[in-house]
Amino acid sequence: MNVFGKILVRKIILLLTLVLFSCSKNEISRNPNLTSVKFNVSINLNLPSNDNLRFTGGSSHLPSGGINGVLIFNLNGTYLAWEASCPNHPIKNCSKLSLKGVLAECGCEGYQYSLAVGQLLNPDENTNRNFPLMPYRINQSGNTLFISH
């Protein structure tokens, strides 16, 4: 791993640590903007359409599953799956997230979320309650990813 990769991993670990220790166990709130949908999908990492996921920092949008699809991110060999809808407003035509490198961006307000931790990176100063991306369960068996909720 090159120097940039090591620095990126350290920053991500630091951010995850801050997020974990800043959360109160008494404050568990359900996001009122996103409904819970049940689905099971699988992805074959050997297919050429999924080449981007085989590299650290690679991401992909899977249109099936979830409300507006699923965003998949390779965090140094660990795969993360997120709902592809902006969690900070009710579902609209513009709320489908688009991939911008290691970020997901909302088409409505331009909110940007880290695909590594799911946190909102540019919150609205006038809003005191912001939601992170909604995660989905992801398991890997060989070169196949299984995503469900």
C-alpha atoms as a PDB file:
ATOM      1  CA  MET A   1       0.000   0.000   0.000  1.00  0.00           C
ATOM      2  CA  ASN A   2       1.360   3.419  -0.914  1.00  0.00           C
ATOM      3  CA  VAL A   3       1.709   6.377   1.471  1.00  0.00           C
ATOM      4  CA  PHE A   4      -1.563   7.952   0.278  1.00  0.00           C
ATOM      5  CA  GLY A   5      -3.425   4.716   0.970  1.00  0.00           C
ATOM      6  CA  LYS A   6      -2.002   4.468   4.501  1.00  0.00           C
ATOM      7  CA  ILE A   7      -2.943   8.076   5.244  1.00  0.00           C
ATOM      8  CA  LEU A   8      -6.465   7.499   3.898  1.00  0.00           C
ATOM      9  CA  VAL A   9      -6.908   4.384   6.043  1.00  0.00           C
ATOM     10  CA  ARG A  10      -5.693   6.256   9.167  1.00  0.00           C
ATOM     11  CA  LYS A  11      -8.092   9.132   8.514  1.00  0.00           C
ATOM     12  CA  ILE A  12     -11.001   6.731   8.029  1.00  0.00           C
ATOM     13  CA  ILE A  13     -10.163   4.885  11.250  1.00  0.00           C
ATOM     14  CA  LEU A  14      -9.971   8.192  13.127  1.00  0.00           C
ATOM     15  CA  LEU A  15     -13.320   9.319  11.688  1.00  0.00           C
ATOM     16  CA  LEU A  16     -14.973   5.996  12.567  1.00  0.00           C
ATOM     17  CA  THR A  17     -13.603   6.250  16.117  1.00  0.00           C
ATOM     18  CA  LEU A  18     -14.973   9.778  16.493  1.00  0.00           C
ATOM     19  CA  VAL A  19     -18.376   8.726  15.174  1.00  0.00           C
ATOM     20  CA  LEU A  20     -18.560   5.700  17.482  1.00  0.00           C
ATOM     21  CA  PHE A  21     -17.607   7.608  20.630  1.00  0.00           C
ATOM     22  CA  SER A  22     -19.752  10.651  19.883  1.00  0.00           C
ATOM     23  CA  CYS A  23     -22.977   8.656  19.659  1.00  0.00           C
ATOM     24  CA  SER A  24     -25.157   8.299  22.722  1.00  0.00           C
ATOM     25  CA  LYS A  25     -26.668   4.879  23.351  1.00  0.00           C
ATOM     26  CA  ASN A  26     -29.875   6.545  24.536  1.00  0.00           C
ATOM     27  CA  GLU A  27     -30.496   8.333  21.239  1.00  0.00           C
ATOM     28  CA  ILE A  28     -31.614   5.787  18.677  1.00  0.00           C
ATOM     29  CA  SER A  29     -33.955   7.384  16.196  1.00  0.00           C
ATOM     30  CA  ARG A  30     -35.562   5.991  13.083  1.00  0.00           C
ATOM     31  CA  ASN A  31     -35.179   8.046   9.941  1.00  0.00           C
ATOM     32  CA  PRO A  32     -38.717   9.218   9.051  1.00  0.00           C
ATOM     33  CA  ASN A  33     -37.728   9.933   5.422  1.00  0.00           C
ATOM     34  CA  LEU A  34     -36.796   6.388   4.374  1.00  0.00           C
ATOM     35  CA  THR A  35     -39.048   3.364   4.485  1.00  0.00           C
ATOM     36  CA  SER A  36     -37.736  -0.103   5.192  1.00  0.00           C
ATOM     37  CA  VAL A  37     -37.854  -2.396   2.161  1.00  0.00           C
ATOM     38  CA  LYS A  38     -36.956  -6.081   2.105  1.00  0.00           C
ATOM     39  CA  PHE A  39     -34.702  -7.392  -0.660  1.00  0.00           C
ATOM     40  CA  ASN A  40     -31.874  -9.828  -1.445  1.00  0.00           C
ATOM     41  CA  VAL A  41     -29.477  -9.234  -4.332  1.00  0.00           C
ATOM     42  CA  SER A  42     -26.114 -10.664  -5.302  1.00  0.00           C
ATOM     43  CA  ILE A  43     -23.218  -9.260  -7.317  1.00  0.00           C
ATOM     44  CA  ASN A  44     -20.533 -11.231  -9.109  1.00  0.00           C
ATOM     45  CA  LEU A  45     -17.261  -9.305  -8.767  1.00  0.00           C
ATOM     46  CA  ASN A  46     -15.789 -11.233 -11.726  1.00  0.00           C
ATOM     47  CA  LEU A  47     -18.101  -9.497 -14.215  1.00  0.00           C
ATOM     48  CA  PRO A  48     -16.488  -6.645 -16.185  1.00  0.00           C
ATOM     49  CA  SER A  49     -19.309  -4.296 -15.140  1.00  0.00           C
ATOM     50  CA  ASN A  50     -18.103  -4.640 -11.535  1.00  0.00           C
ATOM     51  CA  ASP A  51     -14.375  -4.055 -12.153  1.00  0.00           C
ATOM     52  CA  ASN A  52     -14.474  -0.758 -10.241  1.00  0.00           C
ATOM     53  CA  LEU A  53     -15.440  -2.605  -7.047  1.00  0.00           C
ATOM     54  CA  ARG A  54     -12.291  -4.711  -7.091  1.00  0.00           C
ATOM     55  CA  PHE A  55     -10.118  -1.732  -6.137  1.00  0.00           C
ATOM     56  CA  THR A  56      -9.914   0.259  -2.885  1.00  0.00           C
ATOM     57  CA  GLY A  57     -12.095   3.345  -3.165  1.00  0.00           C
ATOM     58  CA  GLY A  58     -14.137   1.851  -5.991  1.00  0.00           C
ATOM     59  CA  SER A  59     -17.882   2.304  -5.968  1.00  0.00           C
ATOM     60  CA  SER A  60     -20.893   1.186  -7.953  1.00  0.00           C
ATOM     61  CA  HIS A  61     -24.637   1.837  -8.120  1.00  0.00           C
ATOM     62  CA  LEU A  62     -26.818  -1.260  -8.204  1.00  0.00           C
ATOM     63  CA  PRO A  63     -30.279  -0.247  -9.506  1.00  0.00           C
ATOM     64  CA  SER A  64     -32.065  -3.268  -8.014  1.00  0.00           C
ATOM     65  CA  GLY A  65     -32.769  -3.467  -4.293  1.00  0.00           C
ATOM     66  CA  GLY A  66     -33.557  -0.718  -1.838  1.00  0.00           C
ATOM     67  CA  ILE A  67     -35.713   2.305  -2.599  1.00  0.00           C
ATOM     68  CA  ASN A  68     -33.557   3.952  -5.293  1.00  0.00           C
ATOM     69  CA  GLY A  69     -31.025   1.150  -5.561  1.00  0.00           C
ATOM     70  CA  VAL A  70     -27.898   0.335  -3.581  1.00  0.00           C
ATOM     71  CA  LEU A  71     -24.517   2.063  -3.490  1.00  0.00           C
ATOM     72  CA  ILE A  72     -21.593  -0.302  -2.955  1.00  0.00           C
ATOM     73  CA  PHE A  73     -18.147   0.866  -1.815  1.00  0.00           C
ATOM     74  CA  ASN A  74     -14.830  -0.969  -1.461  1.00  0.00           C
ATOM     75  CA  LEU A  75     -13.145   0.233   1.735  1.00  0.00           C
ATOM     76  CA  ASN A  76      -9.735  -1.413   1.518  1.00  0.00           C
ATOM     77  CA  GLY A  77     -11.196  -4.835   0.714  1.00  0.00           C
ATOM     78  CA  THR A  78     -14.224  -4.494   3.003  1.00  0.00           C
ATOM     79  CA  TYR A  79     -17.464  -3.863   1.136  1.00  0.00           C
ATOM     80  CA  LEU A  80     -20.116  -1.445   2.377  1.00  0.00           C
ATOM     81  CA  ALA A  81     -23.667  -1.097   1.030  1.00  0.00           C
ATOM     82  CA  TRP A  82     -25.865   1.995   1.391  1.00  0.00           C
ATOM     83  CA  GLU A  83     -29.354   3.042   0.297  1.00  0.00           C
ATOM     84  CA  ALA A  84     -29.107   5.220  -2.836  1.00  0.00           C
ATOM     85  CA  SER A  85     -31.677   7.751  -1.542  1.00  0.00           C
ATOM     86  CA  CYS A  86     -30.872  10.957   0.314  1.00  0.00           C
ATOM     87  CA  PRO A  87     -31.845  10.360   3.955  1.00  0.00           C
ATOM     88  CA  ASN A  88     -32.393  14.035   4.790  1.00  0.00           C
ATOM     89  CA  HIS A  89     -35.714  14.707   3.069  1.00  0.00           C
ATOM     90  CA  PRO A  90     -38.748  12.702   1.945  1.00  0.00           C
ATOM     91  CA  ILE A  91     -38.332  10.735  -1.281  1.00  0.00           C
ATOM     92  CA  LYS A  92     -38.629  12.972  -4.361  1.00  0.00           C
ATOM     93  CA  ASN A  93     -37.607  12.667  -8.013  1.00  0.00           C
ATOM     94  CA  CYS A  94     -34.283  14.380  -7.245  1.00  0.00           C
ATOM     95  CA  SER A  95     -33.404  12.392  -4.089  1.00  0.00           C
ATOM     96  CA  LYS A  96     -31.570   9.584  -5.881  1.00  0.00           C
ATOM     97  CA  LEU A  97     -27.886   9.772  -4.919  1.00  0.00           C
ATOM     98  CA  SER A  98     -25.187   9.848  -7.576  1.00  0.00           C
ATOM     99  CA  LEU A  99     -21.613   8.671  -7.172  1.00  0.00           C
ATOM    100  CA  LYS A 100     -18.839  11.290  -7.132  1.00  0.00           C
ATOM    101  CA  GLY A 101     -15.650   9.309  -6.452  1.00  0.00           C
ATOM    102  CA  VAL A 102     -15.689   8.350  -2.751  1.00  0.00           C
ATOM    103  CA  LEU A 103     -18.818  10.468  -2.162  1.00  0.00           C
ATOM    104  CA  ALA A 104     -22.534  10.161  -2.835  1.00  0.00           C
ATOM    105  CA  GLU A 105     -24.348  13.357  -3.791  1.00  0.00           C
ATOM    106  CA  CYS A 106     -28.028  14.277  -3.539  1.00  0.00           C
ATOM    107  CA  GLY A 107     -29.527  15.861  -6.646  1.00  0.00           C
ATOM    108  CA  CYS A 108     -31.919  18.036  -4.593  1.00  0.00           C
ATOM    109  CA  GLU A 109     -29.742  20.052  -2.206  1.00  0.00           C
ATOM    110  CA  GLY A 110     -26.285  18.860  -3.198  1.00  0.00           C
ATOM    111  CA  TYR A 111     -25.761  17.087   0.141  1.00  0.00           C
ATOM    112  CA  GLN A 112     -22.613  14.964   0.042  1.00  0.00           C
ATOM    113  CA  TYR A 113     -22.081  11.771   2.022  1.00  0.00           C
ATOM    114  CA  SER A 114     -18.928   9.767   2.695  1.00  0.00           C
ATOM    115  CA  LEU A 115     -19.218   6.265   1.234  1.00  0.00           C
ATOM    116  CA  ALA A 116     -16.633   5.115   3.811  1.00  0.00           C
ATOM    117  CA  VAL A 117     -18.716   5.991   6.895  1.00  0.00           C
ATOM    118  CA  GLY A 118     -22.097   7.188   5.581  1.00  0.00           C
ATOM    119  CA  GLN A 119     -21.941  10.585   7.294  1.00  0.00           C
ATOM    120  CA  LEU A 120     -23.274  13.818   5.823  1.00  0.00           C
ATOM    121  CA  LEU A 121     -20.254  16.009   5.024  1.00  0.00           C
ATOM    122  CA  ASN A 122     -21.939  19.334   4.225  1.00  0.00           C
ATOM    123  CA  PRO A 123     -24.952  19.720   6.558  1.00  0.00           C
ATOM    124  CA  ASP A 124     -27.355  22.619   6.310  1.00  0.00           C
ATOM    125  CA  GLU A 125     -26.524  25.115   9.076  1.00  0.00           C
ATOM    126  CA  ASN A 126     -30.237  25.757   9.680  1.00  0.00           C
ATOM    127  CA  THR A 127     -31.022  22.096  10.374  1.00  0.00           C
ATOM    128  CA  ASN A 128     -30.192  20.585  13.734  1.00  0.00           C
ATOM    129  CA  ARG A 129     -31.077  16.973  12.826  1.00  0.00           C
ATOM    130  CA  ASN A 130     -29.175  15.290  10.010  1.00  0.00           C
ATOM    131  CA  PHE A 131     -29.296  11.620   9.115  1.00  0.00           C
ATOM    132  CA  PRO A 132     -26.440   9.461   7.762  1.00  0.00           C
ATOM    133  CA  LEU A 133     -26.829   7.093   4.823  1.00  0.00           C
ATOM    134  CA  MET A 134     -28.970   4.044   5.535  1.00  0.00           C
ATOM    135  CA  PRO A 135     -26.719   0.947   5.600  1.00  0.00           C
ATOM    136  CA  TYR A 136     -27.580  -2.483   4.244  1.00  0.00           C
ATOM    137  CA  ARG A 137     -26.206  -5.858   5.281  1.00  0.00           C
ATOM    138  CA  ILE A 138     -23.503  -7.159   2.969  1.00  0.00           C
ATOM    139  CA  ASN A 139     -21.714 -10.527   3.039  1.00  0.00           C
ATOM    140  CA  GLN A 140     -19.004 -11.852   0.756  1.00  0.00           C
ATOM    141  CA  SER A 141     -18.492 -15.436  -0.338  1.00  0.00           C
ATOM    142  CA  GLY A 142     -15.580 -15.770  -2.729  1.00  0.00           C
ATOM    143  CA  ASN A 143     -16.167 -13.285  -5.548  1.00  0.00           C
ATOM    144  CA  THR A 144     -19.882 -12.827  -4.839  1.00  0.00           C
ATOM    145  CA  LEU A 145     -21.425 -10.114  -2.679  1.00  0.00           C
ATOM    146  CA  PHE A 146     -24.813 -10.741  -1.059  1.00  0.00           C
ATOM    147  CA  ILE A 147     -26.733  -7.605  -0.067  1.00  0.00           C
ATOM    148  CA  SER A 148     -29.962  -7.688   1.905  1.00  0.00           C
ATOM    149  CA  HIS A 149     -32.297  -5.812   4.180  1.00  0.00           C
END
